[in-house]
Amino acid sequence: MTKTMHKLSDEDMQALADKLIGLKVNKARAQVRRLDPDSEIQMYRVGVGHELLTRFNLPNLGVSVTLVEEPHGTPKGGESSTLKAEPAFVEARVAAL
């Protein structure tokens, strides 16, 4: 059984990215998983530089979606204490596979 590879246009990819960035990160993750029944999580909150990346491959749509979070909040005055803060969801990157 062969599957047909549906591709999103550049406009559709940008619209998807814009739609996702308007959501909270957990809602965005759920939305991405629902887009394609064969979706696969490639990496989950992997630290790359100053970003936390979560990447999904959506083979039926022919795209990968990367959700980018950045840590926010730093101790004032150079304090060396642990700061518990949730990273901010700052970007959704949609690219062709």
PDB file of N, CA and C in Angstrom:
ATOM      1  N   MET A   1       0.850  -1.179   0.000  1.00  0.00           N
ATOM      2  CA  MET A   1       0.000   0.000   0.000  1.00  0.00           C
ATOM      3  C   MET A   1       0.890   1.235   0.000  1.00  0.00           C
ATOM      4  N   THR A   2       0.735   2.091  -0.973  1.00  0.00           N
ATOM      5  CA  THR A   2       1.520   3.309  -1.044  1.00  0.00           C
ATOM      6  C   THR A   2       0.651   4.489  -0.629  1.00  0.00           C
ATOM      7  N   LYS A   3       1.281   5.392   0.069  1.00  0.00           N
ATOM      8  CA  LYS A   3       0.576   6.592   0.508  1.00  0.00           C
ATOM      9  C   LYS A   3       0.952   7.729  -0.423  1.00  0.00           C
ATOM     10  N   THR A   4      -0.011   8.570  -0.716  1.00  0.00           N
ATOM     11  CA  THR A   4       0.298   9.744  -1.522  1.00  0.00           C
ATOM     12  C   THR A   4       0.843  10.820  -0.591  1.00  0.00           C
ATOM     13  N   MET A   5       1.893  11.487  -1.015  1.00  0.00           N
ATOM     14  CA  MET A   5       2.518  12.513  -0.205  1.00  0.00           C
ATOM     15  C   MET A   5       1.881  13.861  -0.531  1.00  0.00           C
ATOM     16  N   HIS A   6       1.118  14.374   0.390  1.00  0.00           N
ATOM     17  CA  HIS A   6       0.508  15.681   0.219  1.00  0.00           C
ATOM     18  C   HIS A   6       1.473  16.721   0.755  1.00  0.00           C
ATOM     19  N   LYS A   7       1.708  17.741  -0.010  1.00  0.00           N
ATOM     20  CA  LYS A   7       2.617  18.806   0.388  1.00  0.00           C
ATOM     21  C   LYS A   7       1.824  20.062   0.682  1.00  0.00           C
ATOM     22  N   LEU A   8       2.260  20.780   1.690  1.00  0.00           N
ATOM     23  CA  LEU A   8       1.666  22.075   1.979  1.00  0.00           C
ATOM     24  C   LEU A   8       2.411  23.139   1.178  1.00  0.00           C
ATOM     25  N   SER A   9       1.692  24.118   0.703  1.00  0.00           N
ATOM     26  CA  SER A   9       2.337  25.233   0.006  1.00  0.00           C
ATOM     27  C   SER A   9       3.045  26.119   1.030  1.00  0.00           C
ATOM     28  N   ASP A  10       3.880  27.025   0.550  1.00  0.00           N
ATOM     29  CA  ASP A  10       4.577  27.946   1.447  1.00  0.00           C
ATOM     30  C   ASP A  10       3.589  28.774   2.251  1.00  0.00           C
ATOM     31  N   GLU A  11       2.493  29.186   1.617  1.00  0.00           N
ATOM     32  CA  GLU A  11       1.475  29.987   2.304  1.00  0.00           C
ATOM     33  C   GLU A  11       0.797  29.161   3.399  1.00  0.00           C
ATOM     34  N   ASP A  12       0.522  27.874   3.101  1.00  0.00           N
ATOM     35  CA  ASP A  12      -0.101  27.001   4.086  1.00  0.00           C
ATOM     36  C   ASP A  12       0.840  26.753   5.270  1.00  0.00           C
ATOM     37  N   MET A  13       2.137  26.599   4.981  1.00  0.00           N
ATOM     38  CA  MET A  13       3.102  26.386   6.057  1.00  0.00           C
ATOM     39  C   MET A  13       3.189  27.622   6.953  1.00  0.00           C
ATOM     40  N   GLN A  14       3.183  28.818   6.350  1.00  0.00           N
ATOM     41  CA  GLN A  14       3.243  30.054   7.129  1.00  0.00           C
ATOM     42  C   GLN A  14       1.964  30.223   7.949  1.00  0.00           C
ATOM     43  N   ALA A  15       0.818  29.887   7.367  1.00  0.00           N
ATOM     44  CA  ALA A  15      -0.449  29.987   8.085  1.00  0.00           C
ATOM     45  C   ALA A  15      -0.473  29.034   9.279  1.00  0.00           C
ATOM     46  N   LEU A  16       0.068  27.833   9.109  1.00  0.00           N
ATOM     47  CA  LEU A  16       0.135  26.874  10.199  1.00  0.00           C
ATOM     48  C   LEU A  16       1.030  27.400  11.312  1.00  0.00           C
ATOM     49  N   ALA A  17       2.189  27.946  10.955  1.00  0.00           N
ATOM     50  CA  ALA A  17       3.105  28.507  11.953  1.00  0.00           C
ATOM     51  C   ALA A  17       2.436  29.648  12.713  1.00  0.00           C
ATOM     52  N   ASP A  18       1.723  30.518  12.002  1.00  0.00           N
ATOM     53  CA  ASP A  18       1.039  31.639  12.644  1.00  0.00           C
ATOM     54  C   ASP A  18      -0.058  31.150  13.582  1.00  0.00           C
ATOM     55  N   LYS A  19      -0.764  30.126  13.164  1.00  0.00           N
ATOM     56  CA  LYS A  19      -1.838  29.564  13.996  1.00  0.00           C
ATOM     57  C   LYS A  19      -1.268  28.966  15.277  1.00  0.00           C
ATOM     58  N   LEU A  20      -0.154  28.239  15.161  1.00  0.00           N
ATOM     59  CA  LEU A  20       0.438  27.581  16.320  1.00  0.00           C
ATOM     60  C   LEU A  20       1.013  28.571  17.323  1.00  0.00           C
ATOM     61  N   ILE A  21       1.618  29.643  16.849  1.00  0.00           N
ATOM     62  CA  ILE A  21       2.251  30.593  17.762  1.00  0.00           C
ATOM     63  C   ILE A  21       1.202  31.339  18.582  1.00  0.00           C
ATOM     64  N   GLY A  22      -0.041  31.347  18.125  1.00  0.00           N
ATOM     65  CA  GLY A  22      -1.115  31.972  18.892  1.00  0.00           C
ATOM     66  C   GLY A  22      -1.607  31.117  20.042  1.00  0.00           C
ATOM     67  N   LEU A  23      -1.104  29.887  20.162  1.00  0.00           N
ATOM     68  CA  LEU A  23      -1.536  28.964  21.208  1.00  0.00           C
ATOM     69  C   LEU A  23      -0.481  28.855  22.298  1.00  0.00           C
ATOM     70  N   LYS A  24      -0.866  28.303  23.429  1.00  0.00           N
ATOM     71  CA  LYS A  24       0.121  27.943  24.453  1.00  0.00           C
ATOM     72  C   LYS A  24       0.842  26.698  23.951  1.00  0.00           C
ATOM     73  N   VAL A  25       2.039  26.454  24.440  1.00  0.00           N
ATOM     74  CA  VAL A  25       2.884  25.390  23.895  1.00  0.00           C
ATOM     75  C   VAL A  25       2.234  24.014  24.001  1.00  0.00           C
ATOM     76  N   ASN A  26       1.569  23.702  25.095  1.00  0.00           N
ATOM     77  CA  ASN A  26       0.937  22.384  25.212  1.00  0.00           C
ATOM     78  C   ASN A  26      -0.207  22.225  24.223  1.00  0.00           C
ATOM     79  N   LYS A  27      -0.972  23.292  24.007  1.00  0.00           N
ATOM     80  CA  LYS A  27      -2.056  23.254  23.018  1.00  0.00           C
ATOM     81  C   LYS A  27      -1.473  23.125  21.611  1.00  0.00           C
ATOM     82  N   ALA A  28      -0.343  23.795  21.354  1.00  0.00           N
ATOM     83  CA  ALA A  28       0.304  23.710  20.049  1.00  0.00           C
ATOM     84  C   ALA A  28       0.789  22.283  19.787  1.00  0.00           C
ATOM     85  N   ARG A  29       1.376  21.639  20.807  1.00  0.00           N
ATOM     86  CA  ARG A  29       1.821  20.246  20.652  1.00  0.00           C
ATOM     87  C   ARG A  29       0.642  19.340  20.315  1.00  0.00           C
ATOM     88  N   ALA A  30      -0.452  19.514  21.019  1.00  0.00           N
ATOM     89  CA  ALA A  30      -1.641  18.693  20.770  1.00  0.00           C
ATOM     90  C   ALA A  30      -2.196  18.945  19.373  1.00  0.00           C
ATOM     91  N   GLN A  31      -2.212  20.196  18.953  1.00  0.00           N
ATOM     92  CA  GLN A  31      -2.713  20.551  17.622  1.00  0.00           C
ATOM     93  C   GLN A  31      -1.866  19.897  16.537  1.00  0.00           C
ATOM     94  N   VAL A  32      -0.554  19.919  16.698  1.00  0.00           N
ATOM     95  CA  VAL A  32       0.343  19.318  15.708  1.00  0.00           C
ATOM     96  C   VAL A  32       0.112  17.815  15.625  1.00  0.00           C
ATOM     97  N   ARG A  33      -0.029  17.162  16.772  1.00  0.00           N
ATOM     98  CA  ARG A  33      -0.253  15.712  16.776  1.00  0.00           C
ATOM     99  C   ARG A  33      -1.558  15.343  16.075  1.00  0.00           C
ATOM    100  N   ARG A  34      -2.573  16.206  16.182  1.00  0.00           N
ATOM    101  CA  ARG A  34      -3.864  15.924  15.549  1.00  0.00           C
ATOM    102  C   ARG A  34      -3.862  16.173  14.041  1.00  0.00           C
ATOM    103  N   LEU A  35      -2.902  16.910  13.534  1.00  0.00           N
ATOM    104  CA  LEU A  35      -2.868  17.234  12.108  1.00  0.00           C
ATOM    105  C   LEU A  35      -2.625  16.009  11.229  1.00  0.00           C
ATOM    106  N   ASP A  36      -1.885  15.046  11.750  1.00  0.00           N
ATOM    107  CA  ASP A  36      -1.492  13.879  10.956  1.00  0.00           C
ATOM    108  C   ASP A  36      -1.549  12.641  11.842  1.00  0.00           C
ATOM    109  N   PRO A  37      -2.361  11.644  11.480  1.00  0.00           N
ATOM    110  CA  PRO A  37      -2.438  10.440  12.319  1.00  0.00           C
ATOM    111  C   PRO A  37      -1.118   9.673  12.386  1.00  0.00           C
ATOM    112  N   ASP A  38      -0.225   9.901  11.439  1.00  0.00           N
ATOM    113  CA  ASP A  38       1.078   9.228  11.436  1.00  0.00           C
ATOM    114  C   ASP A  38       2.192  10.118  11.976  1.00  0.00           C
ATOM    115  N   SER A  39       1.827  11.182  12.701  1.00  0.00           N
ATOM    116  CA  SER A  39       2.845  12.107  13.208  1.00  0.00           C
ATOM    117  C   SER A  39       3.796  11.388  14.161  1.00  0.00           C
ATOM    118  N   GLU A  40       5.054  11.803  14.111  1.00  0.00           N
ATOM    119  CA  GLU A  40       6.101  11.235  14.963  1.00  0.00           C
ATOM    120  C   GLU A  40       6.819  12.370  15.660  1.00  0.00           C
ATOM    121  N   ILE A  41       7.088  12.187  16.938  1.00  0.00           N
ATOM    122  CA  ILE A  41       7.884  13.180  17.638  1.00  0.00           C
ATOM    123  C   ILE A  41       9.350  12.816  17.424  1.00  0.00           C
ATOM    124  N   GLN A  42      10.097  13.747  16.865  1.00  0.00           N
ATOM    125  CA  GLN A  42      11.503  13.495  16.566  1.00  0.00           C
ATOM    126  C   GLN A  42      12.383  13.884  17.748  1.00  0.00           C
ATOM    127  N   MET A  43      12.055  14.985  18.412  1.00  0.00           N
ATOM    128  CA  MET A  43      12.770  15.368  19.625  1.00  0.00           C
ATOM    129  C   MET A  43      11.832  16.162  20.512  1.00  0.00           C
ATOM    130  N   TYR A  44      12.033  16.038  21.819  1.00  0.00           N
ATOM    131  CA  TYR A  44      11.166  16.684  22.794  1.00  0.00           C
ATOM    132  C   TYR A  44      11.984  17.536  23.740  1.00  0.00           C
ATOM    133  N   ARG A  45      11.820  18.818  23.645  1.00  0.00           N
ATOM    134  CA  ARG A  45      12.465  19.807  24.510  1.00  0.00           C
ATOM    135  C   ARG A  45      13.976  19.587  24.623  1.00  0.00           C
ATOM    136  N   VAL A  46      14.615  19.484  23.481  1.00  0.00           N
ATOM    137  CA  VAL A  46      16.063  19.330  23.421  1.00  0.00           C
ATOM    138  C   VAL A  46      16.692  20.720  23.423  1.00  0.00           C
ATOM    139  N   GLY A  47      17.649  20.929  24.303  1.00  0.00           N
ATOM    140  CA  GLY A  47      18.320  22.217  24.393  1.00  0.00           C
ATOM    141  C   GLY A  47      19.341  22.377  23.279  1.00  0.00           C
ATOM    142  N   VAL A  48      19.145  23.415  22.477  1.00  0.00           N
ATOM    143  CA  VAL A  48      20.079  23.752  21.410  1.00  0.00           C
ATOM    144  C   VAL A  48      20.389  25.240  21.566  1.00  0.00           C
ATOM    145  N   GLY A  49      21.610  25.539  21.989  1.00  0.00           N
ATOM    146  CA  GLY A  49      21.949  26.931  22.259  1.00  0.00           C
ATOM    147  C   GLY A  49      21.085  27.447  23.400  1.00  0.00           C
ATOM    148  N   HIS A  50      20.402  28.527  23.160  1.00  0.00           N
ATOM    149  CA  HIS A  50      19.523  29.113  24.171  1.00  0.00           C
ATOM    150  C   HIS A  50      18.053  28.762  23.927  1.00  0.00           C
ATOM    151  N   GLU A  51      17.788  27.725  23.136  1.00  0.00           N
ATOM    152  CA  GLU A  51      16.420  27.341  22.800  1.00  0.00           C
ATOM    153  C   GLU A  51      16.123  25.908  23.242  1.00  0.00           C
ATOM    154  N   LEU A  52      14.858  25.653  23.518  1.00  0.00           N
ATOM    155  CA  LEU A  52      14.368  24.292  23.725  1.00  0.00           C
ATOM    156  C   LEU A  52      13.507  23.953  22.519  1.00  0.00           C
ATOM    157  N   LEU A  53      13.855  22.881  21.819  1.00  0.00           N
ATOM    158  CA  LEU A  53      13.172  22.531  20.583  1.00  0.00           C
ATOM    159  C   LEU A  53      12.374  21.241  20.742  1.00  0.00           C
ATOM    160  N   THR A  54      11.156  21.256  20.229  1.00  0.00           N
ATOM    161  CA  THR A  54      10.324  20.064  20.111  1.00  0.00           C
ATOM    162  C   THR A  54       9.967  19.938  18.646  1.00  0.00           C
ATOM    163  N   ARG A  55      10.312  18.808  18.025  1.00  0.00           N
ATOM    164  CA  ARG A  55      10.091  18.647  16.586  1.00  0.00           C
ATOM    165  C   ARG A  55       9.212  17.443  16.304  1.00  0.00           C
ATOM    166  N   PHE A  56       8.239  17.672  15.436  1.00  0.00           N
ATOM    167  CA  PHE A  56       7.343  16.624  14.967  1.00  0.00           C
ATOM    168  C   PHE A  56       7.514  16.458  13.465  1.00  0.00           C
ATOM    169  N   ASN A  57       7.525  15.230  12.975  1.00  0.00           N
ATOM    170  CA  ASN A  57       7.473  14.959  11.542  1.00  0.00           C
ATOM    171  C   ASN A  57       6.041  14.576  11.204  1.00  0.00           C
ATOM    172  N   LEU A  58       5.492  15.208  10.173  1.00  0.00           N
ATOM    173  CA  LEU A  58       4.140  14.929   9.711  1.00  0.00           C
ATOM    174  C   LEU A  58       4.247  14.395   8.287  1.00  0.00           C
ATOM    175  N   PRO A  59       4.462  13.079   8.132  1.00  0.00           N
ATOM    176  CA  PRO A  59       4.752  12.521   6.811  1.00  0.00           C
ATOM    177  C   PRO A  59       3.608  12.659   5.809  1.00  0.00           C
ATOM    178  N   ASN A  60       2.363  12.604   6.262  1.00  0.00           N
ATOM    179  CA  ASN A  60       1.249  12.731   5.323  1.00  0.00           C
ATOM    180  C   ASN A  60       1.102  14.142   4.774  1.00  0.00           C
ATOM    181  N   LEU A  61       1.585  15.128   5.519  1.00  0.00           N
ATOM    182  CA  LEU A  61       1.559  16.512   5.047  1.00  0.00           C
ATOM    183  C   LEU A  61       2.880  16.906   4.401  1.00  0.00           C
ATOM    184  N   GLY A  62       3.911  16.092   4.604  1.00  0.00           N
ATOM    185  CA  GLY A  62       5.220  16.373   4.012  1.00  0.00           C
ATOM    186  C   GLY A  62       5.962  17.511   4.681  1.00  0.00           C
ATOM    187  N   VAL A  63       5.719  17.742   5.987  1.00  0.00           N
ATOM    188  CA  VAL A  63       6.388  18.832   6.697  1.00  0.00           C
ATOM    189  C   VAL A  63       6.885  18.356   8.058  1.00  0.00           C
ATOM    190  N   SER A  64       7.803  19.138   8.601  1.00  0.00           N
ATOM    191  CA  SER A  64       8.188  18.974  10.000  1.00  0.00           C
ATOM    192  C   SER A  64       7.839  20.281  10.701  1.00  0.00           C
ATOM    193  N   VAL A  65       7.429  20.172  11.940  1.00  0.00           N
ATOM    194  CA  VAL A  65       7.052  21.339  12.736  1.00  0.00           C
ATOM    195  C   VAL A  65       7.952  21.367  13.957  1.00  0.00           C
ATOM    196  N   THR A  66       8.648  22.484  14.150  1.00  0.00           N
ATOM    197  CA  THR A  66       9.514  22.663  15.300  1.00  0.00           C
ATOM    198  C   THR A  66       8.939  23.763  16.171  1.00  0.00           C
ATOM    199  N   LEU A  67       8.667  23.434  17.419  1.00  0.00           N
ATOM    200  CA  LEU A  67       8.175  24.407  18.393  1.00  0.00           C
ATOM    201  C   LEU A  67       9.365  24.872  19.213  1.00  0.00           C
ATOM    202  N   VAL A  68       9.566  26.186  19.280  1.00  0.00           N
ATOM    203  CA  VAL A  68      10.744  26.765  19.923  1.00  0.00           C
ATOM    204  C   VAL A  68      10.331  27.466  21.214  1.00  0.00           C
ATOM    205  N   GLU A  69      10.998  27.094  22.303  1.00  0.00           N
ATOM    206  CA  GLU A  69      10.789  27.750  23.594  1.00  0.00           C
ATOM    207  C   GLU A  69      12.117  28.368  24.025  1.00  0.00           C
ATOM    208  N   GLU A  70      12.024  29.510  24.699  1.00  0.00           N
ATOM    209  CA  GLU A  70      13.216  30.161  25.251  1.00  0.00           C
ATOM    210  C   GLU A  70      13.028  30.364  26.736  1.00  0.00           C
ATOM    211  N   PRO A  71      14.073  30.080  27.504  1.00  0.00           N
ATOM    212  CA  PRO A  71      13.967  30.343  28.943  1.00  0.00           C
ATOM    213  C   PRO A  71      13.822  31.845  29.167  1.00  0.00           C
ATOM    214  N   HIS A  72      13.031  32.198  30.130  1.00  0.00           N
ATOM    215  CA  HIS A  72      12.903  33.618  30.451  1.00  0.00           C
ATOM    216  C   HIS A  72      13.033  33.787  31.950  1.00  0.00           C
ATOM    217  N   GLY A  73      13.287  34.978  32.357  1.00  0.00           N
ATOM    218  CA  GLY A  73      13.459  35.266  33.773  1.00  0.00           C
ATOM    219  C   GLY A  73      14.867  34.917  34.215  1.00  0.00           C
ATOM    220  N   THR A  74      15.580  35.895  34.701  1.00  0.00           N
ATOM    221  CA  THR A  74      16.918  35.644  35.224  1.00  0.00           C
ATOM    222  C   THR A  74      16.996  36.261  36.613  1.00  0.00           C
ATOM    223  N   PRO A  75      17.790  35.679  37.476  1.00  0.00           N
ATOM    224  CA  PRO A  75      17.920  36.251  38.819  1.00  0.00           C
ATOM    225  C   PRO A  75      18.467  37.677  38.746  1.00  0.00           C
ATOM    226  N   LYS A  76      17.949  38.558  39.592  1.00  0.00           N
ATOM    227  CA  LYS A  76      18.417  39.954  39.617  1.00  0.00           C
ATOM    228  C   LYS A  76      19.720  40.059  40.386  1.00  0.00           C
ATOM    229  N   GLY A  77      20.549  40.957  39.960  1.00  0.00           N
ATOM    230  CA  GLY A  77      21.792  41.213  40.669  1.00  0.00           C
ATOM    231  C   GLY A  77      22.788  40.075  40.634  1.00  0.00           C
ATOM    232  N   GLY A  78      22.657  39.177  39.670  1.00  0.00           N
ATOM    233  CA  GLY A  78      23.617  38.093  39.538  1.00  0.00           C
ATOM    234  C   GLY A  78      23.504  37.029  40.617  1.00  0.00           C
ATOM    235  N   GLU A  79      22.335  36.920  41.214  1.00  0.00           N
ATOM    236  CA  GLU A  79      22.147  35.900  42.246  1.00  0.00           C
ATOM    237  C   GLU A  79      22.353  34.516  41.644  1.00  0.00           C
ATOM    238  N   SER A  80      22.910  33.630  42.402  1.00  0.00           N
ATOM    239  CA  SER A  80      23.146  32.278  41.901  1.00  0.00           C
ATOM    240  C   SER A  80      22.120  31.305  42.493  1.00  0.00           C
ATOM    241  N   SER A  81      20.870  31.691  42.447  1.00  0.00           N
ATOM    242  CA  SER A  81      19.817  30.810  42.939  1.00  0.00           C
ATOM    243  C   SER A  81      19.104  30.166  41.764  1.00  0.00           C
ATOM    244  N   THR A  82      18.445  29.060  42.045  1.00  0.00           N
ATOM    245  CA  THR A  82      17.699  28.379  41.001  1.00  0.00           C
ATOM    246  C   THR A  82      16.389  29.118  40.788  1.00  0.00           C
ATOM    247  N   LEU A  83      16.090  29.425  39.570  1.00  0.00           N
ATOM    248  CA  LEU A  83      14.865  30.130  39.229  1.00  0.00           C
ATOM    249  C   LEU A  83      13.942  29.158  38.526  1.00  0.00           C
ATOM    250  N   LYS A  84      12.802  28.868  39.131  1.00  0.00           N
ATOM    251  CA  LYS A  84      11.842  27.974  38.487  1.00  0.00           C
ATOM    252  C   LYS A  84      10.897  28.830  37.665  1.00  0.00           C
ATOM    253  N   ALA A  85      11.020  28.707  36.383  1.00  0.00           N
ATOM    254  CA  ALA A  85      10.147  29.456  35.487  1.00  0.00           C
ATOM    255  C   ALA A  85       9.928  28.609  34.243  1.00  0.00           C
ATOM    256  N   GLU A  86       8.744  28.682  33.713  1.00  0.00           N
ATOM    257  CA  GLU A  86       8.447  27.966  32.474  1.00  0.00           C
ATOM    258  C   GLU A  86       9.044  28.733  31.299  1.00  0.00           C
ATOM    259  N   PRO A  87       9.643  28.031  30.367  1.00  0.00           N
ATOM    260  CA  PRO A  87      10.140  28.706  29.167  1.00  0.00           C
ATOM    261  C   PRO A  87       8.980  29.311  28.373  1.00  0.00           C
ATOM    262  N   ALA A  88       9.277  30.354  27.637  1.00  0.00           N
ATOM    263  CA  ALA A  88       8.265  31.025  26.820  1.00  0.00           C
ATOM    264  C   ALA A  88       8.246  30.412  25.431  1.00  0.00           C
ATOM    265  N   PHE A  89       7.061  30.130  24.920  1.00  0.00           N
ATOM    266  CA  PHE A  89       6.875  29.614  23.556  1.00  0.00           C
ATOM    267  C   PHE A  89       6.994  30.812  22.617  1.00  0.00           C
ATOM    268  N   VAL A  90       8.054  30.828  21.782  1.00  0.00           N
ATOM    269  CA  VAL A  90       8.343  32.016  20.999  1.00  0.00           C
ATOM    270  C   VAL A  90       8.217  31.856  19.490  1.00  0.00           C
ATOM    271  N   GLU A  91       8.276  30.614  18.986  1.00  0.00           N
ATOM    272  CA  GLU A  91       8.283  30.472  17.531  1.00  0.00           C
ATOM    273  C   GLU A  91       7.829  29.070  17.123  1.00  0.00           C
ATOM    274  N   ALA A  92       7.177  28.996  15.990  1.00  0.00           N
ATOM    275  CA  ALA A  92       6.825  27.710  15.373  1.00  0.00           C
ATOM    276  C   ALA A  92       7.446  27.716  13.975  1.00  0.00           C
ATOM    277  N   ARG A  93       8.280  26.731  13.714  1.00  0.00           N
ATOM    278  CA  ARG A  93       8.939  26.641  12.402  1.00  0.00           C
ATOM    279  C   ARG A  93       8.365  25.454  11.643  1.00  0.00           C
ATOM    280  N   VAL A  94       7.846  25.713  10.461  1.00  0.00           N
ATOM    281  CA  VAL A  94       7.280  24.665   9.622  1.00  0.00           C
ATOM    282  C   VAL A  94       8.145  24.580   8.373  1.00  0.00           C
ATOM    283  N   ALA A  95       8.676  23.386   8.096  1.00  0.00           N
ATOM    284  CA  ALA A  95       9.562  23.190   6.939  1.00  0.00           C
ATOM    285  C   ALA A  95       9.185  21.907   6.207  1.00  0.00           C
ATOM    286  N   ALA A  96       9.459  21.878   4.924  1.00  0.00           N
ATOM    287  CA  ALA A  96       9.208  20.683   4.133  1.00  0.00           C
ATOM    288  C   ALA A  96      10.169  19.574   4.551  1.00  0.00           C
ATOM    289  N   LEU A  97       9.683  18.344   4.490  1.00  0.00           N
ATOM    290  CA  LEU A  97      10.536  17.189   4.802  1.00  0.00           C
ATOM    291  C   LEU A  97      11.517  16.920   3.690  1.00  0.00           C
TER     292      LEU A  97
END
